[in-house]
Amino acid sequence: QAISAFPAPPRPPRDSRRRLGSAVARPRTHTTEMAPAAAKRGAAAKALLGSKAKAVGAAPKAKARAPRRVLGLDEARAATKMTSEQWRKHQEGMGEAWPAPEYMDLPHKGGHTCYRDETYELITRWTTETKIRYRPHAKAPGTKSHVRYEKYSKAKTVGQALKLGSWPADWCWDYERGFIKVDGPVRDEPLDISKVMDESKLTDVDKAINRWYRRELARNLGLKVSDLHVGKGSGESLIMRAHRLVAQREAKAILASAKKQARKVREDEVLKVLQHWAFAKNPNRQNVLPDGQDWVWSDTLGLIRDRIGDIHVTAASKTYPEVATVMNRYLSDRLPSELRGFKWTSLNVNCNYAAKLHRDGNNFGPSFIKAFGDFTGGELNYWPEDDRKVDRLDELAEEDGVRIDLKSGLALFSGNSAHSVQPFQGERYSIVYFTAGCFNKASEECKQVCQALGMNFPAPDENPYNLLRAPRGYTNGKRRSTAGDAAVTPTKAAMSATPAWRFFPSVGSDSARRVETPTPSKAPAKRPAPKAAGAARKRAATAA
């Protein structure tokens, strides 16, 4: 039998128990010995009732609070070796000698512990060897902060500062107030721990910054810390993972709202998802790299053939499916009835770069393209009759090109013909909807994934010239096929029945109309050296 740790009290004798409310619960007789006790009870009851009666309608008296004691404050004051007068005298001229960063003068939303993006961008690149200098006696005596600061401000490197009791949050606070000067060295990019295969080489500073920044990202973006786990070889950094999760969350809400209201996905909603998305640094798109750049912000969602020839759906498409679905819904919601046959397997998503003059090598059929954002310039330069017989792109005649305003509508064009992007100012995103030339070699599983994302996957015998005719060329001679793995020779009927490109201006926020006969705008000027135009992204640099 189990023995309770708290045994029940002994039961009273049977004859002493009374049932509440019964006649036997009251004494049978009233003796003079009981009178004084009864009188006292009656007087106490009257006093109690009287005090309650007086209290009705009266405001309760404020209870005096005991003086608040901050844990450790008395000890901190006892440990202080500097008077307030000495400290104030020491501060003379310090503000000029140790100024706060210039960006601290700019407006900022959030409290005093909501640090600036510029601060995160710097602190996350520190190493244990980064040399720093602390402003002497920066914090007022008589506080715990003063005692801590006097201890860790003796550090000469970040590694020493950590050992002396300061943490990444202290570094942010002190740096934003001009209490720290950084002499370097710092990393070019924040450390991506997911790419460190031998974690024994991580320093205490590396680990402290990673743990702290993971919590900061989760708190600032409304995510769970556990969601920010980045697996080895995932191709994502911590900050990429965080921002892509926010984009995924936004995309889910947009799709739910559009379904509930039975409406189309709006352009501003697609822009919001693009602004949240963290783009990878892509060094592989050599044909589009602006002069002087080694990489561009660019991702592919959907079907792709990688550098070693493997055909698969990209990992980001499967990890963040609603992001791709929102972009696909935007197009499918706007396809005119005569273009419902447009097929695509992939999305090329770009941010803030002006692609130089190039041709895509392995696209099948036409592509749709749309630009989003607050920018000026950035039009598409396009040579619709380029059949690739002109070997050197700079030999294409200027008057043969057209310029298309992608900010004001959707364009249907052939990426296999020469095209480029005009320099621009502002923040510019673009989405290209295209069919990969290897589509007819993709597995059934890849096809099903693409269809689940909202892509209209082409049939094996798809005709690439159903919607746009083949280019006629700018020179005489037989046209070369450029349709990649699924090349098809166009018929004479296809060459004459359809236009070489189409444009669908946006009408309001949810519809589009067709321009029956595209009218070329002024031909592009002699092609300048392309620049990576657009506003610099404020978020910390992401590593591919």
Protein backbone atom coordinates (compact mmCIF):
# COMPACT_ATOMS: atom_id res chain seq x y z
CA GLN A 1 0.00 0.00 0.00
CA ALA A 2 1.32 3.44 -0.95
CA ILE A 3 2.14 5.75 1.92
CA SER A 4 1.27 9.41 1.37
CA ALA A 5 3.88 12.03 2.14
CA PHE A 6 1.10 14.09 3.69
CA PRO A 7 -1.06 11.72 5.91
CA ALA A 8 -4.62 12.75 6.66
CA PRO A 9 -5.30 14.14 10.16
CA PRO A 10 -6.98 11.78 12.68
CA ARG A 11 -10.79 11.72 12.50
CA PRO A 12 -12.60 13.18 15.56
CA PRO A 13 -14.68 10.88 17.79
CA ARG A 14 -17.97 9.87 16.23
CA ASP A 15 -20.16 11.62 18.83
CA SER A 16 -18.38 14.94 18.34
CA ARG A 17 -19.23 15.12 14.61
CA ARG A 18 -22.17 17.26 13.59
CA ARG A 19 -23.96 17.61 10.31
CA LEU A 20 -23.82 21.18 9.10
CA GLY A 21 -27.25 22.82 9.40
CA SER A 22 -28.84 20.14 11.57
CA ALA A 23 -30.37 20.72 14.97
CA VAL A 24 -27.59 18.78 16.66
CA ALA A 25 -25.02 21.20 15.29
CA ARG A 26 -26.09 23.75 17.95
CA PRO A 27 -25.60 23.38 21.74
CA ARG A 28 -28.66 22.00 23.52
CA THR A 29 -28.31 24.30 26.52
CA HIS A 30 -27.20 27.86 27.21
CA THR A 31 -25.13 28.22 30.36
CA THR A 32 -23.76 31.33 32.05
CA GLU A 33 -20.23 30.08 31.39
CA MET A 34 -20.89 30.38 27.67
CA ALA A 35 -22.20 33.97 27.84
CA PRO A 36 -18.89 35.87 27.90
CA ALA A 37 -17.56 33.96 24.87
CA ALA A 38 -20.84 34.50 23.01
CA ALA A 39 -20.78 38.18 23.82
CA LYS A 40 -17.28 38.53 22.50
CA ARG A 41 -18.24 36.77 19.28
CA GLY A 42 -21.26 39.00 18.86
CA ALA A 43 -19.24 42.17 19.43
CA ALA A 44 -16.62 41.05 16.92
CA ALA A 45 -19.32 40.30 14.35
CA LYS A 46 -20.90 43.76 14.83
CA ALA A 47 -17.54 45.43 14.52
CA LEU A 48 -16.83 43.54 11.37
CA LEU A 49 -20.21 44.37 9.83
CA GLY A 50 -19.80 47.98 10.82
CA SER A 51 -16.40 48.30 9.22
CA LYS A 52 -17.73 46.71 6.02
CA ALA A 53 -20.68 49.07 5.96
CA LYS A 54 -18.39 52.10 6.24
CA ALA A 55 -16.17 50.77 3.51
CA VAL A 56 -19.01 50.60 0.95
CA GLY A 57 -18.49 53.35 -1.62
CA ALA A 58 -15.17 54.44 -0.12
CA ALA A 59 -11.97 54.31 -2.22
CA PRO A 60 -9.46 51.74 -0.94
CA LYS A 61 -6.43 53.18 0.74
CA ALA A 62 -3.17 52.90 -1.20
CA LYS A 63 -0.91 50.29 0.25
CA ALA A 64 2.52 51.57 1.05
CA ARG A 65 5.14 49.87 -1.13
CA ALA A 66 8.41 48.66 0.20
CA PRO A 67 11.35 50.41 -1.39
CA ARG A 68 12.44 48.59 -4.57
CA ARG A 69 15.83 46.95 -4.39
CA VAL A 70 17.65 46.27 -7.65
CA LEU A 71 19.58 43.05 -7.35
CA GLY A 72 23.26 43.85 -7.19
CA LEU A 73 22.84 47.63 -7.15
CA ASP A 74 24.14 48.05 -3.61
CA GLU A 75 27.13 45.92 -4.47
CA ALA A 76 27.71 47.96 -7.63
CA ARG A 77 27.67 51.21 -5.69
CA ALA A 78 30.07 49.78 -3.18
CA ALA A 79 32.41 48.69 -5.98
CA THR A 80 32.40 52.12 -7.65
CA LYS A 81 35.77 53.84 -7.36
CA MET A 82 34.81 57.09 -9.08
CA THR A 83 32.60 59.89 -7.81
CA SER A 84 29.88 61.40 -9.97
CA GLU A 85 31.77 64.69 -10.04
CA GLN A 86 34.92 62.99 -11.27
CA TRP A 87 32.94 61.14 -13.92
CA ARG A 88 31.21 64.28 -15.22
CA LYS A 89 34.53 66.07 -15.50
CA HIS A 90 35.95 63.14 -17.41
CA GLN A 91 33.14 63.34 -20.00
CA GLU A 92 34.23 66.77 -21.23
CA GLY A 93 35.11 66.51 -24.94
CA MET A 94 34.38 62.80 -25.10
CA GLY A 95 31.33 63.23 -27.34
CA GLU A 96 33.47 64.88 -30.02
CA ALA A 97 36.34 62.41 -29.69
CA TRP A 98 34.04 59.37 -29.63
CA PRO A 99 31.06 60.20 -31.88
CA ALA A 100 28.21 57.79 -32.56
CA PRO A 101 27.92 56.37 -36.10
CA GLU A 102 26.41 58.81 -38.58
CA TYR A 103 23.47 56.52 -39.32
CA MET A 104 22.28 56.97 -35.74
CA ASP A 105 21.01 60.43 -36.77
CA LEU A 106 18.53 58.86 -39.18
CA PRO A 107 14.94 58.09 -38.12
CA HIS A 108 14.47 54.61 -36.72
CA LYS A 109 11.45 52.61 -35.66
CA GLY A 110 11.77 50.57 -32.52
CA GLY A 111 13.05 50.93 -28.99
CA HIS A 112 16.56 51.53 -27.76
CA THR A 113 17.35 47.81 -27.88
CA CYS A 114 16.05 47.45 -31.44
CA TYR A 115 19.39 47.89 -33.14
CA ARG A 116 20.00 49.26 -36.62
CA ASP A 117 20.60 47.05 -39.66
CA GLU A 118 23.99 48.70 -40.11
CA THR A 119 24.96 47.65 -36.59
CA TYR A 120 23.95 44.04 -37.16
CA GLU A 121 25.82 44.08 -40.47
CA LEU A 122 29.05 45.06 -38.69
CA ILE A 123 28.84 43.09 -35.45
CA THR A 124 28.06 39.80 -37.23
CA ARG A 125 31.35 40.12 -39.15
CA TRP A 126 33.56 40.42 -36.07
CA THR A 127 36.06 37.72 -35.19
CA THR A 128 37.88 36.88 -31.99
CA GLU A 129 40.93 38.76 -33.36
CA THR A 130 39.06 41.94 -34.31
CA LYS A 131 40.82 44.83 -32.57
CA ILE A 132 38.58 47.30 -30.73
CA ARG A 133 39.01 50.32 -28.44
CA TYR A 134 36.59 51.33 -25.70
CA ARG A 135 35.87 54.89 -24.68
CA PRO A 136 37.24 55.36 -21.12
CA HIS A 137 34.68 55.49 -18.30
CA ALA A 138 31.71 55.84 -20.68
CA LYS A 139 29.01 54.79 -18.20
CA ALA A 140 27.95 56.66 -15.06
CA PRO A 141 29.18 55.41 -11.67
CA GLY A 142 26.78 53.95 -9.12
CA THR A 143 25.23 51.53 -11.62
CA LYS A 144 25.80 47.90 -12.46
CA SER A 145 26.54 48.90 -16.06
CA HIS A 146 29.39 51.09 -14.84
CA VAL A 147 31.00 48.24 -12.89
CA ARG A 148 30.69 45.82 -15.84
CA TYR A 149 31.92 48.39 -18.34
CA GLU A 150 34.95 49.30 -16.24
CA LYS A 151 35.89 45.63 -16.34
CA TYR A 152 35.35 44.69 -19.97
CA SER A 153 36.44 48.05 -21.45
CA LYS A 154 40.02 47.02 -20.75
CA ALA A 155 39.74 44.56 -23.67
CA LYS A 156 41.77 45.17 -26.82
CA THR A 157 40.08 42.53 -28.97
CA VAL A 158 36.58 41.11 -29.29
CA GLY A 159 37.79 37.81 -27.89
CA GLN A 160 39.10 39.54 -24.76
CA ALA A 161 35.86 41.52 -24.40
CA LEU A 162 33.85 38.29 -24.39
CA LYS A 163 36.10 36.75 -21.74
CA LEU A 164 35.77 39.87 -19.57
CA GLY A 165 32.00 39.59 -19.46
CA SER A 166 30.56 41.50 -22.42
CA TRP A 167 28.21 39.96 -24.98
CA PRO A 168 27.07 40.74 -28.55
CA ALA A 169 24.13 42.78 -27.22
CA ASP A 170 26.63 44.89 -25.23
CA TRP A 171 28.69 45.40 -28.37
CA CYS A 172 25.65 46.66 -30.30
CA TRP A 173 24.61 49.02 -27.50
CA ASP A 174 28.13 50.39 -27.00
CA TYR A 175 28.88 50.73 -30.72
CA GLU A 176 25.68 52.67 -31.48
CA ARG A 177 26.58 55.17 -28.73
CA GLY A 178 30.14 55.68 -29.90
CA PHE A 179 31.71 53.78 -27.02
CA ILE A 180 33.61 51.40 -29.36
CA LYS A 181 36.01 52.07 -32.21
CA VAL A 182 36.81 49.16 -34.54
CA ASP A 183 40.31 48.81 -35.95
CA GLY A 184 39.72 45.45 -37.66
CA PRO A 185 40.10 43.04 -39.19
CA VAL A 186 36.50 42.01 -39.90
CA ARG A 187 35.08 39.39 -42.24
CA ASP A 188 33.80 40.33 -45.69
CA GLU A 189 30.60 38.43 -44.92
CA PRO A 190 28.99 37.15 -41.71
CA LEU A 191 30.18 33.67 -40.81
CA ASP A 192 27.86 31.00 -42.20
CA ILE A 193 28.14 28.23 -39.61
CA SER A 194 26.15 25.86 -41.84
CA LYS A 195 29.18 25.76 -44.17
CA VAL A 196 31.71 25.08 -41.42
CA MET A 197 32.25 21.35 -41.60
CA ASP A 198 34.74 21.21 -38.72
CA GLU A 199 33.00 22.98 -35.85
CA SER A 200 36.02 22.52 -33.60
CA LYS A 201 37.52 25.46 -35.48
CA LEU A 202 34.73 27.78 -34.34
CA THR A 203 35.83 30.26 -31.67
CA ASP A 204 33.81 31.30 -28.61
CA VAL A 205 33.13 34.60 -30.39
CA ASP A 206 31.80 32.79 -33.48
CA LYS A 207 29.44 30.72 -31.34
CA ALA A 208 28.30 33.66 -29.20
CA ILE A 209 27.51 35.81 -32.24
CA ASN A 210 25.64 32.99 -33.97
CA ARG A 211 23.48 32.17 -30.91
CA TRP A 212 22.73 35.82 -30.26
CA TYR A 213 21.96 36.70 -33.87
CA ARG A 214 19.65 33.72 -34.24
CA ARG A 215 17.60 34.97 -31.27
CA GLU A 216 17.64 38.55 -32.60
CA LEU A 217 16.37 37.45 -36.01
CA ALA A 218 13.61 35.37 -34.47
CA ARG A 219 12.53 38.23 -32.19
CA ASN A 220 12.65 40.94 -34.85
CA LEU A 221 10.93 38.88 -37.54
CA GLY A 222 8.35 37.16 -35.35
CA LEU A 223 9.76 33.67 -35.88
CA LYS A 224 10.59 30.74 -33.65
CA VAL A 225 14.26 30.24 -32.86
CA SER A 226 13.85 26.54 -33.68
CA ASP A 227 12.70 27.47 -37.21
CA LEU A 228 16.05 29.06 -37.96
CA HIS A 229 18.05 25.85 -37.95
CA VAL A 230 20.19 25.73 -41.08
CA GLY A 231 21.40 22.31 -42.15
CA LYS A 232 24.84 21.55 -43.51
CA GLY A 233 25.04 21.96 -47.27
CA SER A 234 21.63 23.63 -47.49
CA GLY A 235 23.02 26.56 -49.47
CA GLU A 236 21.35 28.98 -47.05
CA SER A 237 22.90 31.21 -44.45
CA LEU A 238 21.14 31.99 -41.18
CA ILE A 239 19.92 35.37 -42.39
CA MET A 240 18.74 33.91 -45.70
CA ARG A 241 16.74 31.30 -43.84
CA ALA A 242 15.14 33.94 -41.62
CA HIS A 243 14.05 36.27 -44.42
CA ARG A 244 12.84 33.43 -46.60
CA LEU A 245 10.67 32.17 -43.76
CA VAL A 246 9.12 35.64 -43.52
CA ALA A 247 8.51 35.64 -47.28
CA GLN A 248 6.90 32.21 -46.96
CA ARG A 249 4.67 33.41 -44.12
CA GLU A 250 3.64 36.45 -46.16
CA ALA A 251 2.91 34.32 -49.22
CA LYS A 252 0.70 31.96 -47.21
CA ALA A 253 -1.34 34.90 -45.91
CA ILE A 254 -1.71 36.34 -49.42
CA LEU A 255 -2.93 33.06 -50.88
CA ALA A 256 -5.41 32.59 -48.03
CA SER A 257 -6.73 36.13 -48.46
CA ALA A 258 -7.07 35.78 -52.24
CA LYS A 259 -8.93 32.49 -51.83
CA LYS A 260 -11.27 33.85 -49.17
CA GLN A 261 -12.10 36.95 -51.21
CA ALA A 262 -12.18 35.05 -54.52
CA ARG A 263 -9.81 37.53 -56.10
CA LYS A 264 -6.52 37.68 -58.00
CA VAL A 265 -3.11 38.01 -56.41
CA ARG A 266 -2.22 41.70 -56.59
CA GLU A 267 0.99 43.23 -57.86
CA ASP A 268 1.76 44.92 -54.53
CA GLU A 269 1.45 41.54 -52.81
CA VAL A 270 4.00 39.96 -55.13
CA LEU A 271 6.30 42.91 -54.45
CA LYS A 272 5.96 42.42 -50.71
CA VAL A 273 7.02 38.76 -51.02
CA LEU A 274 9.98 39.76 -53.20
CA GLN A 275 11.07 42.38 -50.68
CA HIS A 276 11.06 39.80 -47.89
CA TRP A 277 12.84 37.14 -49.93
CA ALA A 278 16.60 36.81 -49.33
CA PHE A 279 18.33 36.39 -52.67
CA ALA A 280 21.40 34.25 -53.09
CA LYS A 281 24.60 35.60 -54.57
CA ASN A 282 24.67 33.88 -57.93
CA PRO A 283 28.07 33.81 -59.68
CA ASN A 284 26.94 31.26 -62.28
CA ARG A 285 24.96 33.53 -64.61
CA GLN A 286 28.02 34.64 -66.53
CA ASN A 287 26.01 35.71 -69.58
CA VAL A 288 24.09 38.39 -67.64
CA LEU A 289 26.76 39.70 -65.24
CA PRO A 290 27.11 43.47 -65.57
CA ASP A 291 30.63 44.64 -66.31
CA GLY A 292 32.76 44.72 -63.19
CA GLN A 293 30.54 42.36 -61.17
CA ASP A 294 31.33 38.82 -60.09
CA TRP A 295 27.79 37.85 -59.04
CA VAL A 296 24.16 39.00 -59.10
CA TRP A 297 21.16 38.57 -56.78
CA SER A 298 19.27 35.82 -58.62
CA ASP A 299 17.39 32.61 -57.78
CA THR A 300 15.67 29.94 -59.84
CA LEU A 301 12.47 28.31 -58.62
CA GLY A 302 11.03 25.23 -60.29
CA LEU A 303 12.82 22.98 -62.76
CA ILE A 304 16.55 23.36 -63.43
CA ARG A 305 19.48 21.47 -64.90
CA ASP A 306 22.51 22.05 -62.68
CA ARG A 307 26.16 22.36 -63.70
CA ILE A 308 26.72 18.61 -63.54
CA GLY A 309 23.66 17.83 -65.67
CA ASP A 310 21.21 16.72 -62.98
CA ILE A 311 17.59 17.72 -63.69
CA HIS A 312 15.58 18.50 -60.58
CA VAL A 313 13.31 20.99 -58.84
CA THR A 314 15.35 23.46 -56.80
CA ALA A 315 15.44 23.01 -53.03
CA ALA A 316 14.05 26.50 -52.38
CA SER A 317 10.94 25.62 -54.41
CA LYS A 318 10.19 22.72 -52.08
CA THR A 319 11.16 24.47 -48.85
CA TYR A 320 9.13 27.62 -49.56
CA PRO A 321 6.39 26.41 -51.94
CA GLU A 322 3.94 29.26 -51.28
CA VAL A 323 6.52 31.80 -52.47
CA ALA A 324 6.65 30.16 -55.90
CA THR A 325 2.87 29.65 -55.87
CA VAL A 326 2.16 33.36 -55.32
CA MET A 327 4.35 34.28 -58.29
CA ASN A 328 2.72 31.64 -60.49
CA ARG A 329 -0.77 32.72 -59.44
CA TYR A 330 0.05 36.31 -60.38
CA LEU A 331 0.68 35.23 -63.97
CA SER A 332 -2.06 32.63 -64.33
CA ASP A 333 -4.62 35.12 -62.96
CA ARG A 334 -3.75 37.51 -65.82
CA LEU A 335 -3.31 35.26 -68.84
CA PRO A 336 -5.73 36.32 -71.59
CA SER A 337 -7.93 33.57 -72.96
CA GLU A 338 -5.89 33.25 -76.15
CA LEU A 339 -2.73 32.69 -74.09
CA ARG A 340 -4.05 30.06 -71.71
CA GLY A 341 -1.81 27.67 -73.60
CA PHE A 342 1.34 29.35 -72.28
CA LYS A 343 3.50 26.77 -70.55
CA TRP A 344 6.35 27.20 -68.09
CA THR A 345 8.45 25.06 -65.77
CA SER A 346 10.65 27.59 -64.01
CA LEU A 347 10.93 31.08 -62.54
CA ASN A 348 14.02 33.23 -62.69
CA VAL A 349 13.73 35.77 -59.85
CA ASN A 350 16.10 38.75 -59.92
CA CYS A 351 16.91 41.69 -57.70
CA ASN A 352 18.66 45.00 -58.39
CA TYR A 353 20.86 44.39 -61.38
CA ALA A 354 20.72 45.46 -65.02
CA ALA A 355 21.51 42.40 -67.13
CA LYS A 356 23.96 43.04 -69.93
CA LEU A 357 23.13 42.17 -73.55
CA HIS A 358 22.86 38.40 -73.79
CA ARG A 359 20.95 35.42 -75.15
CA ASP A 360 19.54 32.59 -73.06
CA GLY A 361 20.95 29.31 -74.25
CA ASN A 362 18.45 26.59 -73.42
CA ASN A 363 14.95 28.01 -73.13
CA PHE A 364 12.08 26.24 -74.88
CA GLY A 365 9.47 28.52 -76.43
CA PRO A 366 8.58 32.04 -75.24
CA SER A 367 8.91 33.57 -71.79
CA PHE A 368 6.82 36.03 -69.82
CA ILE A 369 8.59 38.76 -67.88
CA LYS A 370 7.40 41.39 -65.39
CA ALA A 371 9.26 43.96 -63.27
CA PHE A 372 8.18 45.10 -59.79
CA GLY A 373 9.27 47.85 -57.44
CA ASP A 374 9.79 51.58 -57.09
CA PHE A 375 12.30 52.48 -59.78
CA THR A 376 12.86 54.56 -62.90
CA GLY A 377 14.46 53.18 -66.06
CA GLY A 378 15.04 49.44 -66.20
CA GLU A 379 13.21 48.83 -69.50
CA LEU A 380 13.81 45.65 -71.48
CA ASN A 381 15.86 46.11 -74.67
CA TYR A 382 14.86 43.35 -77.07
CA TRP A 383 15.78 42.32 -80.61
CA PRO A 384 12.70 40.27 -81.62
CA GLU A 385 14.06 39.10 -85.00
CA ASP A 386 17.42 37.93 -83.66
CA ASP A 387 17.87 34.38 -84.93
CA ARG A 388 21.38 34.11 -83.43
CA LYS A 389 23.09 34.27 -86.83
CA VAL A 390 24.81 37.45 -85.82
CA ASP A 391 27.61 35.99 -83.76
CA ARG A 392 28.73 39.18 -82.02
CA LEU A 393 25.99 40.80 -80.00
CA ASP A 394 27.49 44.25 -80.35
CA GLU A 395 27.01 44.00 -84.12
CA LEU A 396 23.22 44.00 -83.80
CA ALA A 397 21.76 47.12 -85.36
CA GLU A 398 20.42 49.64 -82.84
CA GLU A 399 17.38 50.43 -84.97
CA ASP A 400 16.29 46.79 -84.93
CA GLY A 401 15.75 46.77 -81.15
CA VAL A 402 12.64 47.68 -79.21
CA ARG A 403 12.34 48.93 -75.66
CA ILE A 404 9.58 47.56 -73.39
CA ASP A 405 8.43 49.09 -70.12
CA LEU A 406 8.19 46.05 -67.86
CA LYS A 407 6.99 48.11 -64.91
CA SER A 408 3.70 48.84 -66.64
CA GLY A 409 2.84 45.37 -67.88
CA LEU A 410 3.73 41.81 -68.87
CA ALA A 411 5.84 41.07 -71.94
CA LEU A 412 5.89 37.83 -73.90
CA PHE A 413 9.25 37.43 -75.66
CA SER A 414 11.87 34.87 -76.61
CA GLY A 415 14.80 34.73 -74.22
CA ASN A 416 16.82 32.98 -76.91
CA SER A 417 16.98 36.27 -78.81
CA ALA A 418 19.21 39.13 -77.72
CA HIS A 419 17.99 41.24 -74.83
CA SER A 420 19.28 43.41 -71.98
CA VAL A 421 18.05 45.72 -69.22
CA GLN A 422 18.43 49.48 -69.20
CA PRO A 423 20.25 51.05 -66.22
CA PHE A 424 17.83 52.14 -63.52
CA GLN A 425 17.53 53.93 -60.22
CA GLY A 426 15.58 52.57 -57.26
CA GLU A 427 14.63 49.08 -56.13
CA ARG A 428 13.84 46.76 -59.03
CA TYR A 429 12.77 43.11 -59.03
CA SER A 430 11.85 40.96 -62.00
CA ILE A 431 10.32 37.53 -62.57
CA VAL A 432 10.89 35.57 -65.77
CA TYR A 433 8.48 32.68 -66.44
CA PHE A 434 10.11 30.21 -68.84
CA THR A 435 10.34 26.57 -69.87
CA ALA A 436 13.67 24.85 -69.33
CA GLY A 437 14.90 23.12 -72.49
CA CYS A 438 15.36 19.89 -70.54
CA PHE A 439 11.67 19.68 -69.53
CA ASN A 440 10.98 16.59 -71.65
CA LYS A 441 13.70 14.71 -69.73
CA ALA A 442 12.36 15.58 -66.29
CA SER A 443 11.00 12.84 -64.05
CA GLU A 444 7.31 12.44 -63.36
CA GLU A 445 7.96 13.53 -59.77
CA CYS A 446 9.51 16.82 -60.96
CA LYS A 447 6.54 17.40 -63.23
CA GLN A 448 4.08 16.87 -60.37
CA VAL A 449 5.97 19.21 -58.06
CA CYS A 450 5.97 21.97 -60.69
CA GLN A 451 2.25 21.52 -61.30
CA ALA A 452 1.56 21.66 -57.56
CA LEU A 453 3.37 25.01 -57.49
CA GLY A 454 0.97 26.34 -60.13
CA MET A 455 3.11 25.91 -63.26
CA ASN A 456 1.50 24.85 -66.53
CA PHE A 457 3.93 22.07 -67.44
CA PRO A 458 4.31 21.54 -71.23
CA ALA A 459 3.47 18.31 -73.02
CA PRO A 460 6.34 16.26 -74.50
CA ASP A 461 5.26 17.24 -78.03
CA GLU A 462 4.71 20.92 -77.23
CA ASN A 463 5.18 23.35 -80.15
CA PRO A 464 7.36 26.27 -79.04
CA TYR A 465 5.94 28.52 -81.79
CA ASN A 466 2.26 28.38 -80.89
CA LEU A 467 2.26 31.81 -79.22
CA LEU A 468 5.20 33.60 -80.83
CA ARG A 469 6.58 33.00 -84.28
CA ALA A 470 10.24 32.25 -84.81
CA PRO A 471 12.48 35.26 -85.46
CA ARG A 472 13.02 36.06 -89.14
CA GLY A 473 16.62 37.08 -88.63
CA TYR A 474 18.55 40.18 -89.56
CA THR A 475 20.69 38.42 -92.21
CA ASN A 476 19.99 36.11 -95.13
CA GLY A 477 20.51 32.42 -94.78
CA LYS A 478 19.07 29.38 -93.10
CA ARG A 479 17.98 29.87 -89.48
CA ARG A 480 19.72 27.85 -86.77
CA SER A 481 17.66 26.03 -84.18
CA THR A 482 18.11 27.36 -80.61
CA ALA A 483 15.41 25.57 -78.66
CA GLY A 484 17.80 23.44 -76.61
CA ASP A 485 16.98 19.84 -75.85
CA ALA A 486 13.48 20.05 -77.32
CA ALA A 487 14.21 21.86 -80.59
CA VAL A 488 11.41 22.14 -83.16
CA THR A 489 11.64 23.64 -86.66
CA PRO A 490 8.89 26.26 -87.16
CA THR A 491 6.44 25.88 -90.03
CA LYS A 492 5.72 28.66 -92.55
CA ALA A 493 2.29 29.08 -91.02
CA ALA A 494 3.80 29.61 -87.59
CA MET A 495 6.23 32.13 -89.06
CA SER A 496 3.43 34.33 -90.36
CA ALA A 497 0.41 33.79 -88.12
CA THR A 498 1.77 35.01 -84.80
CA PRO A 499 3.76 38.10 -83.74
CA ALA A 500 7.40 38.09 -82.65
CA TRP A 501 6.53 39.49 -79.21
CA ARG A 502 3.53 40.69 -77.24
CA PHE A 503 2.87 43.17 -74.47
CA PHE A 504 -0.01 43.30 -71.99
CA PRO A 505 -0.26 46.60 -70.10
CA SER A 506 -1.58 46.44 -66.58
CA VAL A 507 -5.10 47.80 -66.24
CA GLY A 508 -6.00 48.76 -62.69
CA SER A 509 -4.59 46.25 -60.23
CA ASP A 510 -6.02 42.94 -61.38
CA SER A 511 -6.38 42.75 -65.15
CA ALA A 512 -4.47 43.15 -68.38
CA ARG A 513 -5.33 43.75 -72.02
CA ARG A 514 -3.50 42.74 -75.16
CA VAL A 515 -1.71 45.09 -77.51
CA GLU A 516 -2.58 43.58 -80.90
CA THR A 517 0.28 45.20 -82.85
CA PRO A 518 3.33 45.99 -80.72
CA THR A 519 4.74 49.40 -81.53
CA PRO A 520 8.48 49.64 -81.01
CA SER A 521 9.58 52.56 -78.91
CA LYS A 522 12.66 54.58 -79.71
CA ALA A 523 15.55 52.26 -80.45
CA PRO A 524 18.01 51.81 -77.63
CA ALA A 525 20.99 54.10 -77.68
CA LYS A 526 24.44 52.61 -78.18
CA ARG A 527 24.65 50.15 -75.37
CA PRO A 528 26.48 51.66 -72.37
CA ALA A 529 28.49 49.63 -69.93
CA PRO A 530 25.72 48.12 -67.76
CA LYS A 531 25.71 48.96 -64.09
CA ALA A 532 24.24 47.22 -61.08
CA ALA A 533 21.69 49.94 -60.61
CA GLY A 534 19.15 50.09 -57.83
CA ALA A 535 19.15 50.90 -54.16
CA ALA A 536 21.58 48.87 -52.07
CA ARG A 537 19.75 46.32 -49.99
CA LYS A 538 19.76 47.23 -46.32
CA ARG A 539 19.68 43.71 -44.97
CA ALA A 540 22.97 42.05 -44.11
CA ALA A 541 24.71 40.44 -47.08
CA THR A 542 23.59 36.88 -47.73
CA ALA A 543 25.99 34.15 -48.71
CA ALA A 544 25.15 31.79 -51.49
